[in-house]
PDB file of N, CA and C in Angstrom:
ATOM      1  N   MET A   1     124.783 -93.851 -38.597  1.00  0.00           N
ATOM      2  CA  MET A   1     124.007 -94.319 -39.718  1.00  0.00           C
ATOM      3  C   MET A   1     122.656 -93.632 -39.725  1.00  0.00           C
ATOM      4  N   MET A   2     122.174 -93.434 -40.931  1.00  0.00           N
ATOM      5  CA  MET A   2     120.813 -92.925 -41.084  1.00  0.00           C
ATOM      6  C   MET A   2     119.971 -94.059 -41.644  1.00  0.00           C
ATOM      7  N   GLN A   3     118.747 -94.117 -41.220  1.00  0.00           N
ATOM      8  CA  GLN A   3     117.853 -95.151 -41.718  1.00  0.00           C
ATOM      9  C   GLN A   3     116.528 -94.530 -42.145  1.00  0.00           C
ATOM     10  N   LYS A   4     115.995 -95.073 -43.224  1.00  0.00           N
ATOM     11  CA  LYS A   4     114.680 -94.664 -43.700  1.00  0.00           C
ATOM     12  C   LYS A   4     113.830 -95.917 -43.785  1.00  0.00           C
ATOM     13  N   LYS A   5     112.771 -95.946 -43.014  1.00  0.00           N
ATOM     14  CA  LYS A   5     111.888 -97.105 -43.004  1.00  0.00           C
ATOM     15  C   LYS A   5     110.821 -96.940 -44.069  1.00  0.00           C
ATOM     16  N   LEU A   6     110.721 -97.949 -44.907  1.00  0.00           N
ATOM     17  CA  LEU A   6     109.699 -97.989 -45.942  1.00  0.00           C
ATOM     18  C   LEU A   6     108.673 -99.024 -45.555  1.00  0.00           C
ATOM     19  N   GLU A   7     107.641 -99.130 -46.347  1.00  0.00           N
ATOM     20  CA  GLU A   7     106.567-100.069 -46.024  1.00  0.00           C
ATOM     21  C   GLU A   7     107.069-101.506 -45.896  1.00  0.00           C
ATOM     22  N   LYS A   8     107.941-101.929 -46.820  1.00  0.00           N
ATOM     23  CA  LYS A   8     108.394-103.320 -46.818  1.00  0.00           C
ATOM     24  C   LYS A   8     109.881-103.487 -46.611  1.00  0.00           C
ATOM     25  N   SER A   9     110.605-102.405 -46.362  1.00  0.00           N
ATOM     26  CA  SER A   9     112.053-102.520 -46.181  1.00  0.00           C
ATOM     27  C   SER A   9     112.587-101.299 -45.444  1.00  0.00           C
ATOM     28  N   THR A  10     113.879-101.332 -45.154  1.00  0.00           N
ATOM     29  CA  THR A  10     114.568-100.219 -44.522  1.00  0.00           C
ATOM     30  C   THR A  10     115.822 -99.921 -45.326  1.00  0.00           C
ATOM     31  N   ILE A  11     116.052 -98.652 -45.621  1.00  0.00           N
ATOM     32  CA  ILE A  11     117.266 -98.232 -46.311  1.00  0.00           C
ATOM     33  C   ILE A  11     118.220 -97.703 -45.246  1.00  0.00           C
ATOM     34  N   THR A  12     119.433 -98.237 -45.211  1.00  0.00           N
ATOM     35  CA  THR A  12     120.457 -97.803 -44.264  1.00  0.00           C
ATOM     36  C   THR A  12     121.570 -97.112 -45.031  1.00  0.00           C
ATOM     37  N   VAL A  13     121.912 -95.899 -44.614  1.00  0.00           N
ATOM     38  CA  VAL A  13     122.958 -95.126 -45.260  1.00  0.00           C
ATOM     39  C   VAL A  13     124.054 -94.848 -44.234  1.00  0.00           C
ATOM     40  N   PRO A  14     125.290 -95.302 -44.496  1.00  0.00           N
ATOM     41  CA  PRO A  14     126.373 -95.038 -43.567  1.00  0.00           C
ATOM     42  C   PRO A  14     126.772 -93.560 -43.603  1.00  0.00           C
ATOM     43  N   VAL A  15     127.156 -93.026 -42.470  1.00  0.00           N
ATOM     44  CA  VAL A  15     127.653 -91.657 -42.385  1.00  0.00           C
ATOM     45  C   VAL A  15     129.055 -91.723 -41.787  1.00  0.00           C
ATOM     46  N   PRO A  16     130.081 -91.513 -42.623  1.00  0.00           N
ATOM     47  CA  PRO A  16     131.461 -91.601 -42.134  1.00  0.00           C
ATOM     48  C   PRO A  16     131.750 -90.557 -41.059  1.00  0.00           C
ATOM     49  N   ASN A  17     132.598 -90.911 -40.117  1.00  0.00           N
ATOM     50  CA  ASN A  17     132.989 -90.007 -39.036  1.00  0.00           C
ATOM     51  C   ASN A  17     134.337 -89.366 -39.386  1.00  0.00           C
ATOM     52  N   HIS A  18     134.340 -88.566 -40.461  1.00  0.00           N
ATOM     53  CA  HIS A  18     135.544 -87.884 -40.928  1.00  0.00           C
ATOM     54  C   HIS A  18     135.207 -86.424 -41.179  1.00  0.00           C
ATOM     55  N   LYS A  19     136.209 -85.561 -41.094  1.00  0.00           N
ATOM     56  CA  LYS A  19     135.980 -84.160 -41.425  1.00  0.00           C
ATOM     57  C   LYS A  19     135.743 -83.998 -42.917  1.00  0.00           C
ATOM     58  N   GLU A  20     136.457 -84.782 -43.726  1.00  0.00           N
ATOM     59  CA  GLU A  20     136.280 -84.744 -45.173  1.00  0.00           C
ATOM     60  C   GLU A  20     136.086 -86.159 -45.682  1.00  0.00           C
ATOM     61  N   ILE A  21     135.216 -86.300 -46.665  1.00  0.00           N
ATOM     62  CA  ILE A  21     135.017 -87.604 -47.279  1.00  0.00           C
ATOM     63  C   ILE A  21     135.220 -87.464 -48.785  1.00  0.00           C
ATOM     64  N   LYS A  22     135.552 -88.553 -49.431  1.00  0.00           N
ATOM     65  CA  LYS A  22     135.780 -88.547 -50.871  1.00  0.00           C
ATOM     66  C   LYS A  22     134.466 -88.287 -51.592  1.00  0.00           C
ATOM     67  N   ILE A  23     134.566 -87.663 -52.765  1.00  0.00           N
ATOM     68  CA  ILE A  23     133.373 -87.306 -53.534  1.00  0.00           C
ATOM     69  C   ILE A  23     132.555 -88.541 -53.894  1.00  0.00           C
ATOM     70  N   GLY A  24     133.212 -89.652 -54.196  1.00  0.00           N
ATOM     71  CA  GLY A  24     132.493 -90.884 -54.529  1.00  0.00           C
ATOM     72  C   GLY A  24     131.671 -91.382 -53.353  1.00  0.00           C
ATOM     73  N   THR A  25     132.233 -91.278 -52.148  1.00  0.00           N
ATOM     74  CA  THR A  25     131.516 -91.683 -50.942  1.00  0.00           C
ATOM     75  C   THR A  25     130.306 -90.787 -50.715  1.00  0.00           C
ATOM     76  N   LEU A  26     130.507 -89.490 -50.885  1.00  0.00           N
ATOM     77  CA  LEU A  26     129.413 -88.538 -50.723  1.00  0.00           C
ATOM     78  C   LEU A  26     128.298 -88.812 -51.729  1.00  0.00           C
ATOM     79  N   MET A  27     128.664 -89.031 -52.979  1.00  0.00           N
ATOM     80  CA  MET A  27     127.657 -89.291 -54.006  1.00  0.00           C
ATOM     81  C   MET A  27     126.889 -90.577 -53.708  1.00  0.00           C
ATOM     82  N   SER A  28     127.582 -91.573 -53.178  1.00  0.00           N
ATOM     83  CA  SER A  28     126.925 -92.828 -52.814  1.00  0.00           C
ATOM     84  C   SER A  28     125.931 -92.615 -51.677  1.00  0.00           C
ATOM     85  N   ILE A  29     126.321 -91.833 -50.687  1.00  0.00           N
ATOM     86  CA  ILE A  29     125.432 -91.533 -49.556  1.00  0.00           C
ATOM     87  C   ILE A  29     124.192 -90.800 -50.056  1.00  0.00           C
ATOM     88  N   ILE A  30     124.392 -89.808 -50.919  1.00  0.00           N
ATOM     89  CA  ILE A  30     123.261 -89.054 -51.456  1.00  0.00           C
ATOM     90  C   ILE A  30     122.342 -89.975 -52.240  1.00  0.00           C
ATOM     91  N   ARG A  31     122.916 -90.809 -53.098  1.00  0.00           N
ATOM     92  CA  ARG A  31     122.116 -91.730 -53.911  1.00  0.00           C
ATOM     93  C   ARG A  31     121.319 -92.693 -53.036  1.00  0.00           C
ATOM     94  N   GLN A  32     121.962 -93.260 -52.021  1.00  0.00           N
ATOM     95  CA  GLN A  32     121.297 -94.223 -51.140  1.00  0.00           C
ATOM     96  C   GLN A  32     120.235 -93.564 -50.267  1.00  0.00           C
ATOM     97  N   SER A  33     120.409 -92.290 -49.965  1.00  0.00           N
ATOM     98  CA  SER A  33     119.458 -91.619 -49.073  1.00  0.00           C
ATOM     99  C   SER A  33     118.097 -91.422 -49.719  1.00  0.00           C
ATOM    100  N   GLY A  34     118.080 -91.351 -51.052  1.00  0.00           N
ATOM    101  CA  GLY A  34     116.818 -91.108 -51.736  1.00  0.00           C
ATOM    102  C   GLY A  34     116.410 -89.646 -51.730  1.00  0.00           C
ATOM    103  N   VAL A  35     117.225 -88.794 -51.141  1.00  0.00           N
ATOM    104  CA  VAL A  35     116.950 -87.359 -51.096  1.00  0.00           C
ATOM    105  C   VAL A  35     117.552 -86.736 -52.371  1.00  0.00           C
ATOM    106  N   PRO A  36     116.820 -85.871 -53.050  1.00  0.00           N
ATOM    107  CA  PRO A  36     117.356 -85.247 -54.266  1.00  0.00           C
ATOM    108  C   PRO A  36     118.672 -84.522 -53.985  1.00  0.00           C
ATOM    109  N   ARG A  37     119.610 -84.668 -54.913  1.00  0.00           N
ATOM    110  CA  ARG A  37     120.941 -84.061 -54.752  1.00  0.00           C
ATOM    111  C   ARG A  37     120.870 -82.560 -54.485  1.00  0.00           C
ATOM    112  N   ILE A  38     119.937 -81.886 -55.111  1.00  0.00           N
ATOM    113  CA  ILE A  38     119.798 -80.434 -54.963  1.00  0.00           C
ATOM    114  C   ILE A  38     119.599 -80.037 -53.499  1.00  0.00           C
ATOM    115  N   GLU A  39     118.975 -80.887 -52.715  1.00  0.00           N
ATOM    116  CA  GLU A  39     118.744 -80.579 -51.302  1.00  0.00           C
ATOM    117  C   GLU A  39     120.048 -80.611 -50.493  1.00  0.00           C
ATOM    118  N   PHE A  40     121.033 -81.333 -50.966  1.00  0.00           N
ATOM    119  CA  PHE A  40     122.335 -81.347 -50.295  1.00  0.00           C
ATOM    120  C   PHE A  40     123.152 -80.126 -50.666  1.00  0.00           C
ATOM    121  N   GLU A  41     122.804 -79.499 -51.782  1.00  0.00           N
ATOM    122  CA  GLU A  41     123.557 -78.343 -52.282  1.00  0.00           C
ATOM    123  C   GLU A  41     123.041 -77.030 -51.728  1.00  0.00           C
ATOM    124  N   SER A  42     121.910 -77.051 -51.055  1.00  0.00           N
ATOM    125  CA  SER A  42     121.317 -75.803 -50.537  1.00  0.00           C
ATOM    126  C   SER A  42     122.101 -75.249 -49.385  1.00  0.00           C
TER     127      SER A  42
END
């Protein structure tokens, strides 16, 4: 799991332990991470 601590909360993003994950799962992880999608495409 990845965690991002904010001033008043913590965002937890699960990271599946698979070689391949479904596109919906990946998009959910990206959305929850708060990191712009473009950074995952680099």
